[in-house]
C-alpha cells in the first residue's frame, strides 16, 4: 500500500495522520503555519483522500501498519508524528511499537469504556448517515452558522464561528470516503488501545484534549495518561474534537513546541 502524501515547507519532518474525514486535507487550517518551520508530510490513510482502500482487513492495526510501512519505505525513521482522533490513536500505537520520534496525539480514540464506545458508535453512525443523505446540500448548509451548528454540534465547541472552508472537507470526507464505515467499525467494535510502560516510547509523548470534546470525552484523558505514563497532557479550553478547527493557533504552538 502506497499512501498519498502532501508535503509543505522545509526543515525537520513532521508526519501528520488524520482521523475520520477528509484525509490529509483535514490539516488545512494549520498546515501552512506548521510549514513555516517544518517539513510537513500529511498522508492519506487507506480509503481516505487519494489513497485506495485496503483489500483485506481494516483495523487500527492494519491502518497503523500502512503508516509504519510508509515511514520505513521513505527513510523517515525517528520522524515526529502528529495525529488527531483515529490518527491520534494510530500515532500512539506507533509510539507503543517503538516507531517514530516525538508524538503528539490530539483527542485520540481508543480510550472509551465499553458503554462510551457503544454510545460513540450509536451517535456517530446516524450523523454519518445524515451527512451522506445531505451530501449535495452540504456546501450550502455549512455556509451559514445555523447549518454548521445543526450538523457539527458533536464535533466542535463553536461550530457557528467556523468557516465553511474549514469544515467542509472533513464533513464531505465522512460522507464520501470509502473506508469511513470500516474504520468506524474498527474503532467501535475492535480492541481498545494498549499502553506503553514508562521508558519504552521512542520520544516525547504529548496528548492534547478538548475540554468540550463530545466524541472522545475529556474523562478519557486520564485513561490515556495511565496507559502512557510518559505522556504530558495538554488541555484545550473551549475546544471540541478538532483542535485544528476550534484552536488552530494553540494546536500549532503545541505541535511545534512538543516535537523536534
Protein backbone atom coordinates (compact mmCIF):
# COMPACT_ATOMS: atom_id res chain seq x y z
CA UNK A 1 0.00 0.00 0.00
CA UNK A 2 1.42 3.37 -1.07
CA UNK A 3 -0.05 6.27 0.88
CA UNK A 4 -0.77 9.51 -0.94
CA UNK A 5 1.15 12.35 0.66
CA UNK A 6 1.13 16.13 0.63
CA UNK A 7 4.38 17.91 1.51
CA UNK A 8 4.80 21.53 2.54
CA UNK A 9 7.68 23.57 3.91
CA UNK A 10 11.22 22.59 4.87
CA UNK A 11 13.10 21.62 7.98
CA UNK A 12 12.78 18.72 10.36
CA UNK A 13 9.99 16.44 9.06
CA UNK A 14 6.63 16.18 10.77
CA UNK A 15 4.31 13.32 9.76
CA UNK A 16 0.59 14.13 10.08
CA UNK A 17 -2.06 11.40 10.39
CA UNK A 18 -5.72 12.37 10.09
CA UNK A 19 -8.87 10.91 11.63
CA UNK A 20 -12.18 10.02 10.03
CA UNK A 21 -12.96 12.57 7.33
CA UNK A 22 -11.04 14.37 4.62
CA UNK A 23 -7.68 12.66 4.73
CA UNK A 24 -4.67 14.94 4.61
CA UNK A 25 -6.92 17.95 3.90
CA UNK A 26 -8.14 17.72 7.50
CA UNK A 27 -4.95 19.56 8.47
CA UNK A 28 -5.59 22.52 6.14
CA UNK A 29 -6.34 25.01 8.99
CA UNK A 30 -2.82 24.60 10.44
CA UNK A 31 -0.58 23.07 7.77
CA UNK A 32 0.74 26.34 6.33
CA UNK A 33 1.65 27.71 9.77
CA UNK A 34 3.45 24.46 10.60
CA UNK A 35 5.22 24.53 7.24
CA UNK A 36 6.82 27.88 8.08
CA UNK A 37 9.13 25.98 10.45
CA UNK A 38 8.91 22.30 9.49
CA UNK A 39 8.61 19.97 6.52
CA UNK A 40 5.03 18.79 6.90
CA UNK A 41 4.21 15.39 5.42
CA UNK A 42 0.46 14.80 5.58
CA UNK A 43 -0.66 11.34 4.46
CA UNK A 44 -4.00 9.94 3.33
CA UNK A 45 -4.77 6.71 5.17
CA UNK A 46 -6.06 3.79 3.06
CA UNK A 47 -9.59 4.52 1.86
CA UNK A 48 -9.34 8.26 2.57
CA UNK A 49 -8.30 11.16 0.37
CA UNK A 50 -6.43 9.84 -2.67
CA UNK A 51 -5.19 6.55 -1.18
CA UNK A 52 -7.02 3.38 -2.28
CA UNK A 53 -8.74 1.30 0.37
CA UNK A 54 -7.11 -1.78 1.85
CA UNK A 55 -8.02 -5.02 0.11
CA UNK A 56 -8.04 -7.00 3.34
CA UNK A 57 -8.97 -6.35 6.94
CA UNK A 58 -9.45 -2.73 8.02
CA UNK A 59 -8.43 -2.35 11.65
CA UNK A 60 -6.40 0.04 13.74
CA UNK A 61 -3.56 -2.47 13.48
CA UNK A 62 -3.63 -2.63 9.67
CA UNK A 63 -4.03 1.13 9.31
CA UNK A 64 -1.06 1.58 11.64
CA UNK A 65 0.88 -0.97 9.59
CA UNK A 66 0.32 1.18 6.50
CA UNK A 67 1.83 4.22 8.22
CA UNK A 68 4.72 2.18 9.64
CA UNK A 69 5.45 0.86 6.14
CA UNK A 70 5.37 4.44 4.79
CA UNK A 71 7.86 5.56 7.44
CA UNK A 72 10.21 2.69 6.65
CA UNK A 73 9.94 2.96 2.85
CA UNK A 74 10.53 6.74 2.87
CA UNK A 75 13.50 6.56 5.22
CA UNK A 76 11.71 8.54 7.92
CA UNK A 77 12.98 6.59 10.92
CA UNK A 78 12.67 8.76 14.04
CA UNK A 79 10.17 11.15 12.42
CA UNK A 80 7.93 13.14 14.76
CA UNK A 81 4.28 12.19 14.33
CA UNK A 82 1.04 14.08 14.90
CA UNK A 83 -2.44 12.57 14.77
CA UNK A 84 -5.99 13.60 15.58
CA UNK A 85 -8.89 11.33 16.64
CA UNK A 86 -8.31 7.99 14.87
CA UNK A 87 -4.99 9.40 13.70
CA UNK A 88 -4.15 10.24 17.31
CA UNK A 89 -4.71 6.63 18.21
CA UNK A 90 -2.53 5.50 15.30
CA UNK A 91 0.43 7.68 16.29
CA UNK A 92 0.16 6.44 19.89
CA UNK A 93 0.17 2.89 18.56
CA UNK A 94 3.28 3.71 16.53
CA UNK A 95 4.92 5.03 19.70
CA UNK A 96 3.87 1.89 21.57
CA UNK A 97 5.58 -0.17 18.87
CA UNK A 98 8.73 1.94 19.19
CA UNK A 99 8.30 3.62 15.79
CA UNK A 100 8.91 7.31 15.14
CA UNK A 101 10.20 10.04 17.41
CA UNK A 102 8.21 12.63 19.33
CA UNK A 103 4.45 12.02 19.28
CA UNK A 104 1.51 14.43 19.54
CA UNK A 105 -1.94 12.84 19.80
CA UNK A 106 -4.93 15.20 19.67
CA UNK A 107 -8.19 13.85 21.13
CA UNK A 108 -7.20 10.24 20.39
CA UNK A 109 -9.71 7.41 20.14
CA UNK A 110 -9.39 4.06 21.82
CA UNK A 111 -9.77 5.01 25.48
CA UNK A 112 -13.54 4.61 25.84
CA UNK A 113 -15.24 2.47 28.45
CA UNK A 114 -17.47 -0.24 26.97
CA UNK A 115 -20.52 1.97 27.44
CA UNK A 116 -18.82 5.05 25.99
CA UNK A 117 -17.68 3.04 22.99
CA UNK A 118 -21.24 1.86 22.36
CA UNK A 119 -22.63 5.40 22.70
CA UNK A 120 -19.94 6.73 20.37
CA UNK A 121 -20.95 4.27 17.65
CA UNK A 122 -24.66 4.78 18.24
CA UNK A 123 -24.40 8.57 17.93
CA UNK A 124 -21.81 8.91 15.17
CA UNK A 125 -23.36 6.40 12.76
CA UNK A 126 -26.61 8.39 12.41
CA UNK A 127 -24.57 11.57 11.97
CA UNK A 128 -22.63 9.98 9.11
CA UNK A 129 -25.86 8.69 7.56
CA UNK A 130 -27.28 12.22 7.76
CA UNK A 131 -24.34 13.89 6.01
CA UNK A 132 -24.44 11.20 3.32
CA UNK A 133 -28.11 11.90 2.73
CA UNK A 134 -27.40 15.65 2.59
CA UNK A 135 -24.23 15.35 0.52
CA UNK A 136 -25.37 17.60 -2.32
CA UNK A 137 -26.63 20.28 0.04
CA UNK A 138 -23.62 20.32 2.38
CA UNK A 139 -21.83 23.31 0.80
CA UNK A 140 -24.95 25.41 1.27
CA UNK A 141 -25.83 24.09 4.73
CA UNK A 142 -22.29 24.58 6.04
CA UNK A 143 -22.17 28.05 4.55
CA UNK A 144 -24.32 29.53 7.31
CA UNK A 145 -23.90 29.48 11.11
CA UNK A 146 -27.23 27.75 11.77
CA UNK A 147 -26.41 24.89 9.42
CA UNK A 148 -22.96 24.43 10.94
CA UNK A 149 -24.43 24.41 14.43
CA UNK A 150 -27.02 21.81 13.46
CA UNK A 151 -24.57 19.47 11.76
CA UNK A 152 -21.40 19.93 13.81
CA UNK A 153 -22.54 20.27 17.43
CA UNK A 154 -20.96 16.88 18.25
CA UNK A 155 -17.61 17.84 16.72
CA UNK A 156 -16.97 21.49 17.57
CA UNK A 157 -17.40 23.64 20.66
CA UNK A 158 -18.22 26.67 18.46
CA UNK A 159 -19.42 25.44 15.06
CA UNK A 160 -21.15 28.74 14.27
CA UNK A 161 -17.79 30.54 14.47
CA UNK A 162 -16.04 28.32 11.93
CA UNK A 163 -15.84 28.95 8.20
CA UNK A 164 -17.37 26.68 5.59
CA UNK A 165 -13.95 26.12 4.03
CA UNK A 166 -12.57 24.87 7.36
CA UNK A 167 -15.20 22.20 7.95
CA UNK A 168 -16.48 21.19 4.51
CA UNK A 169 -13.58 18.86 3.55
CA UNK A 170 -13.93 16.74 6.69
CA UNK A 171 -17.72 16.57 6.51
CA UNK A 172 -17.60 15.57 2.85
CA UNK A 173 -14.90 13.05 3.73
CA UNK A 174 -17.17 11.45 6.31
CA UNK A 175 -19.86 11.17 3.65
CA UNK A 176 -17.72 10.04 0.72
CA UNK A 177 -14.59 8.21 1.90
CA UNK A 178 -14.85 4.51 1.02
CA UNK A 179 -13.30 3.39 4.32
CA UNK A 180 -15.38 5.52 6.70
CA UNK A 181 -17.67 2.63 7.65
CA UNK A 182 -14.90 0.06 8.05
CA UNK A 183 -12.74 2.44 10.07
CA UNK A 184 -15.69 3.29 12.31
CA UNK A 185 -16.26 -0.43 12.86
CA UNK A 186 -12.59 -0.79 13.81
CA UNK A 187 -12.97 1.97 16.39
CA UNK A 188 -16.30 0.83 17.85
CA UNK A 189 -16.01 -2.96 17.60
CA UNK A 190 -12.29 -3.58 17.73
CA UNK A 191 -9.94 -3.74 20.73
CA UNK A 192 -9.17 -0.68 22.78
CA UNK A 193 -5.77 0.98 22.69
CA UNK A 194 -2.94 -0.75 24.54
CA UNK A 195 -0.46 1.29 26.52
CA UNK A 196 3.31 1.62 26.73
CA UNK A 197 5.17 1.21 30.04
CA UNK A 198 7.27 4.12 31.22
CA UNK A 199 10.55 4.46 29.37
CA UNK A 200 9.56 2.39 26.34
CA UNK A 201 8.40 5.05 23.86
CA UNK A 202 10.97 6.42 21.37
CA UNK A 203 10.49 10.13 22.14
CA UNK A 204 8.33 12.63 23.97
CA UNK A 205 4.59 11.93 24.02
CA UNK A 206 2.10 14.79 24.25
CA UNK A 207 -1.64 14.22 24.42
CA UNK A 208 -3.92 17.19 23.69
CA UNK A 209 -7.59 17.09 24.67
CA UNK A 210 -10.51 19.44 24.13
CA UNK A 211 -12.37 20.28 27.33
CA UNK A 212 -15.65 20.17 25.37
CA UNK A 213 -14.99 17.08 23.27
CA UNK A 214 -18.25 15.13 22.85
CA UNK A 215 -16.66 12.32 20.81
CA UNK A 216 -13.68 11.28 22.91
CA UNK A 217 -14.88 12.53 26.26
CA UNK A 218 -12.49 14.53 28.46
CA UNK A 219 -12.59 11.93 31.23
CA UNK A 220 -10.90 9.52 28.84
CA UNK A 221 -7.72 11.59 29.08
CA UNK A 222 -6.99 10.06 32.49
CA UNK A 223 -7.11 6.57 30.97
CA UNK A 224 -4.80 7.65 28.18
CA UNK A 225 -2.19 9.06 30.55
CA UNK A 226 -2.47 5.98 32.79
CA UNK A 227 -1.68 3.78 29.78
CA UNK A 228 1.05 6.13 28.53
CA UNK A 229 2.68 7.30 31.79
CA UNK A 230 5.43 9.19 29.94
CA UNK A 231 2.85 11.44 28.27
CA UNK A 232 2.31 15.11 29.05
CA UNK A 233 -1.37 16.14 28.93
CA UNK A 234 -2.41 19.48 27.44
CA UNK A 235 -5.97 20.80 27.75
CA UNK A 236 -7.55 22.91 25.01
CA UNK A 237 -10.13 25.15 26.65
CA UNK A 238 -13.38 25.89 24.75
CA UNK A 239 -12.43 23.23 22.22
CA UNK A 240 -14.25 20.20 20.85
CA UNK A 241 -12.96 17.16 18.99
CA UNK A 242 -10.99 19.07 16.32
CA UNK A 243 -8.31 21.33 17.85
CA UNK A 244 -7.29 22.34 14.32
CA UNK A 245 -10.80 23.78 13.93
CA UNK A 246 -11.51 25.32 17.31
CA UNK A 247 -7.99 26.24 18.47
CA UNK A 248 -5.73 26.31 15.40
CA UNK A 249 -3.09 28.69 16.74
CA UNK A 250 -2.83 26.83 20.05
CA UNK A 251 -2.66 23.48 18.23
CA UNK A 252 0.15 24.79 16.03
CA UNK A 253 2.13 26.03 19.04
CA UNK A 254 1.66 22.76 20.90
CA UNK A 255 2.85 20.69 17.94
CA UNK A 256 5.91 22.84 17.31
CA UNK A 257 6.84 23.04 20.99
CA UNK A 258 6.39 19.28 21.55
CA UNK A 259 8.38 17.93 18.60
CA UNK A 260 11.93 18.22 17.29
